[in-house]
Protein backbone atom coordinates (compact mmCIF):
# COMPACT_ATOMS: atom_id res chain seq x y z
CA UNK A 1 44.53 91.10 76.78
CA UNK A 2 46.20 91.59 73.43
CA UNK A 3 48.76 94.40 73.17
CA UNK A 4 49.40 96.46 70.07
CA UNK A 5 52.48 95.55 68.00
CA UNK A 6 54.64 98.38 69.39
CA UNK A 7 53.80 97.55 73.02
CA UNK A 8 54.41 93.82 72.35
CA UNK A 9 57.76 94.73 70.76
CA UNK A 10 58.76 96.74 73.85
CA UNK A 11 57.73 93.91 76.20
CA UNK A 12 59.67 91.37 74.13
CA UNK A 13 62.75 93.61 74.14
CA UNK A 14 62.61 93.98 77.93
CA UNK A 15 62.30 90.20 78.30
CA UNK A 16 65.74 89.94 76.74
CA UNK A 17 67.26 91.30 79.94
CA UNK A 18 68.56 88.71 82.43
CA UNK A 19 66.09 87.87 85.19
CA UNK A 20 63.17 89.63 83.50
CA UNK A 21 60.20 87.36 82.91
CA UNK A 22 56.99 88.10 80.99
CA UNK A 23 55.10 89.73 83.89
CA UNK A 24 58.03 91.93 84.92
CA UNK A 25 58.63 92.98 81.31
CA UNK A 26 54.95 93.85 80.95
CA UNK A 27 55.00 95.94 84.16
CA UNK A 28 58.15 97.76 83.06
CA UNK A 29 56.78 98.53 79.60
CA UNK A 30 53.44 99.76 80.90
CA UNK A 31 55.09 101.86 83.60
CA UNK A 32 57.34 103.57 81.04
CA UNK A 33 54.42 104.21 78.70
CA UNK A 34 51.88 105.30 81.33
CA UNK A 35 53.87 107.07 84.01
CA UNK A 36 57.38 107.97 82.94
CA UNK A 37 57.90 108.49 79.22
CA UNK A 38 60.85 110.79 79.90
CA UNK A 39 62.64 107.94 81.72
CA UNK A 40 61.84 105.72 78.73
CA UNK A 41 63.39 108.23 76.33
CA UNK A 42 66.43 108.58 78.59
CA UNK A 43 66.78 104.76 78.73
CA UNK A 44 66.50 104.50 74.94
CA UNK A 45 69.16 107.20 74.46
CA UNK A 46 71.51 105.62 77.03
CA UNK A 47 71.11 102.19 75.41
CA UNK A 48 71.82 103.54 71.95
CA UNK A 49 74.86 105.50 73.15
CA UNK A 50 76.26 102.50 75.01
CA UNK A 51 75.72 100.12 72.10
CA UNK A 52 77.54 102.52 69.77
CA UNK A 53 80.26 103.79 72.13
CA UNK A 54 81.31 100.83 74.28
CA UNK A 55 83.71 98.27 72.88
CA UNK A 56 86.52 96.16 74.30
CA UNK A 57 89.94 97.15 75.61
CA UNK A 58 92.58 96.00 73.15
CA UNK A 59 94.85 94.82 75.99
CA UNK A 60 92.65 93.22 78.67
CA UNK A 61 89.39 92.73 76.70
CA UNK A 62 87.09 94.28 79.30
CA UNK A 63 84.35 96.72 78.29
CA UNK A 64 85.77 100.14 77.50
CA UNK A 65 84.91 103.35 75.68
CA UNK A 66 88.55 103.76 74.67
CA UNK A 67 90.99 101.49 72.84
CA UNK A 68 92.95 100.98 76.09
CA UNK A 69 90.89 101.04 79.31
CA UNK A 70 91.78 103.12 82.38
CA UNK A 71 93.01 100.07 84.31
CA UNK A 72 95.43 99.05 81.56
CA UNK A 73 96.55 102.67 81.19
CA UNK A 74 97.27 103.03 84.94
CA UNK A 75 101.09 102.98 85.49
CA UNK A 76 100.63 102.28 89.24
CA UNK A 77 99.36 98.74 88.59
CA UNK A 78 101.64 95.72 88.96
CA UNK A 79 102.64 94.40 85.52
CA UNK A 80 103.90 91.17 87.10
CA UNK A 81 100.42 90.02 88.19
CA UNK A 82 97.76 89.05 85.66
CA UNK A 83 94.30 87.98 86.80
CA UNK A 84 92.34 85.91 84.26
CA UNK A 85 88.55 86.19 84.52
CA UNK A 86 85.54 85.01 82.51
CA UNK A 87 83.71 88.30 81.95
CA UNK A 88 83.87 92.08 82.43
CA UNK A 89 81.38 91.69 85.31
CA UNK A 90 84.03 89.61 87.11
CA UNK A 91 86.58 92.43 86.65
CA UNK A 92 84.19 94.88 88.28
CA UNK A 93 83.59 92.46 91.17
CA UNK A 94 87.35 92.16 91.83
CA UNK A 95 87.80 95.92 91.52
CA UNK A 96 84.99 96.51 94.05
CA UNK A 97 86.90 94.36 96.55
CA UNK A 98 89.64 96.99 96.27
CA UNK A 99 92.67 94.83 97.08
CA UNK A 100 93.96 93.69 93.66
CA UNK A 101 96.41 96.06 91.96
CA UNK A 102 97.61 93.89 89.08
CA UNK A 103 96.46 93.62 85.49
CA UNK A 104 93.49 91.74 84.00
CA UNK A 105 92.71 89.52 81.05
CA UNK A 106 89.08 88.72 80.23
CA UNK A 107 88.11 85.48 78.55
CA UNK A 108 84.86 85.33 76.64
CA UNK A 109 83.33 82.67 78.89
CA UNK A 110 84.64 79.18 79.63
CA UNK A 111 85.53 76.09 77.65
CA UNK A 112 82.39 74.24 76.62
CA UNK A 113 82.80 71.97 73.59
CA UNK A 114 79.10 71.09 73.65
CA UNK A 115 78.31 74.80 73.10
CA UNK A 116 81.04 75.19 70.48
CA UNK A 117 83.30 77.17 72.83
CA UNK A 118 86.87 76.03 72.38
CA UNK A 119 90.18 77.77 73.21
CA UNK A 120 89.98 80.10 70.19
CA UNK A 121 86.40 81.18 70.90
CA UNK A 122 87.12 82.26 74.47
CA UNK A 123 90.47 83.91 73.68
CA UNK A 124 93.14 81.55 75.03
CA UNK A 125 95.52 82.23 72.09
CA UNK A 126 95.22 85.98 72.85
CA UNK A 127 96.02 85.24 76.52
CA UNK A 128 99.18 83.33 75.55
CA UNK A 129 100.18 86.21 73.25
CA UNK A 130 99.55 88.67 76.12
CA UNK A 131 101.77 86.69 78.51
CA UNK A 132 104.69 85.67 76.26
CA UNK A 133 107.55 88.13 76.31
CA UNK A 134 105.87 90.31 78.94
CA UNK A 135 106.69 91.21 82.55
CA UNK A 136 103.99 88.81 83.84
CA UNK A 137 105.48 86.62 86.60
CA UNK A 138 102.23 85.20 88.00
CA UNK A 139 98.87 84.43 86.43
CA UNK A 140 95.94 84.18 88.83
CA UNK A 141 93.17 82.03 87.38
CA UNK A 142 89.89 83.43 88.66
CA UNK A 143 87.42 81.47 86.57
CA UNK A 144 84.14 80.50 88.21
CA UNK A 145 84.12 77.48 90.56
CA UNK A 146 81.93 75.44 88.20
CA UNK A 147 82.90 72.27 86.35
CA UNK A 148 83.49 74.34 83.18
CA UNK A 149 85.39 77.05 85.06
CA UNK A 150 87.63 74.48 86.74
CA UNK A 151 88.29 72.75 83.39
CA UNK A 152 89.14 76.10 81.80
CA UNK A 153 91.56 76.95 84.65
CA UNK A 154 93.21 73.52 84.42
CA UNK A 155 93.61 73.84 80.64
CA UNK A 156 95.16 77.31 80.89
CA UNK A 157 97.49 76.22 83.72
CA UNK A 158 98.75 73.38 81.52
CA UNK A 159 99.66 75.88 78.80
CA UNK A 160 101.30 78.45 81.09
CA UNK A 161 103.42 76.26 83.39
CA UNK A 162 105.88 75.22 80.63
CA UNK A 163 106.50 78.95 80.01
CA UNK A 164 107.98 79.26 83.52
CA UNK A 165 105.16 81.46 84.78
CA UNK A 166 103.78 80.93 88.28
CA UNK A 167 100.13 79.91 88.01
CA UNK A 168 97.74 80.20 90.96
CA UNK A 169 94.02 79.67 91.45
CA UNK A 170 91.72 81.83 93.56
CA UNK A 171 90.62 80.16 96.77
CA UNK A 172 87.14 78.72 97.08
CA UNK A 173 85.43 77.94 100.30
CA UNK A 174 83.61 79.24 103.30
CA UNK A 175 82.52 82.88 102.98
CA UNK A 176 83.71 85.36 105.58
CA UNK A 177 81.10 85.48 108.32
CA UNK A 178 79.56 82.18 107.19
CA UNK A 179 78.56 79.39 109.54
CA UNK A 180 79.65 75.85 108.68
CA UNK A 181 76.26 74.26 109.34
CA UNK A 182 74.76 76.32 106.50
CA UNK A 183 77.53 75.70 103.94
CA UNK A 184 76.93 73.10 101.20
CA UNK A 185 79.11 69.98 101.01
CA UNK A 186 80.87 70.94 97.79
CA UNK A 187 81.96 74.29 99.20
CA UNK A 188 83.22 72.65 102.40
CA UNK A 189 85.16 70.07 100.39
CA UNK A 190 86.86 72.88 98.43
CA UNK A 191 87.63 74.76 101.63
CA UNK A 192 89.23 71.70 103.24
CA UNK A 193 91.23 70.83 100.13
CA UNK A 194 92.47 74.43 99.81
CA UNK A 195 93.41 74.88 103.47
CA UNK A 196 96.47 77.01 104.32
CA UNK A 197 98.91 76.84 107.23
CA UNK A 198 98.62 79.30 110.13
CA UNK A 199 101.72 81.03 111.42
């Protein structure tokens, strides 16, 4: 079946969302057009408002509607702890855990020379500027446990250690409630290498 240009345009736009393939995009588009045009209009308005009104926090670089986000503006947070993450989604994941009360700094991804992502592209100079001359005593590197994430953490640690700042890495390993027989070898290796003393 051949769709009209406007329907095809809507399907193609929906395919741009992560995890949405051609069939799902087609179902979404047809559902909005056939059954729920008001939801479609609401979605269009919300998208336009978000695209126009959401930018980046000047201090931590997470998504924000204001120049300084609520987390950076919160005086109850610990200025001595700075958690470095790869994306705003990672900030929200840490916040949902509810136990971290320090500050954040968001990189724009990870080092990947093959993709043209060097230190400048992901914001490492801005991180060094954020740390130098500040109250930050410890930087927690919470990049993803991928080859690129590990390389990014190692690179940043090499730049921060000479500044006299404590640098730590989030632990990787067996998930709480997990059973060893179902854990992959790489995760187990990380868990054993990152073991801590009891007592």
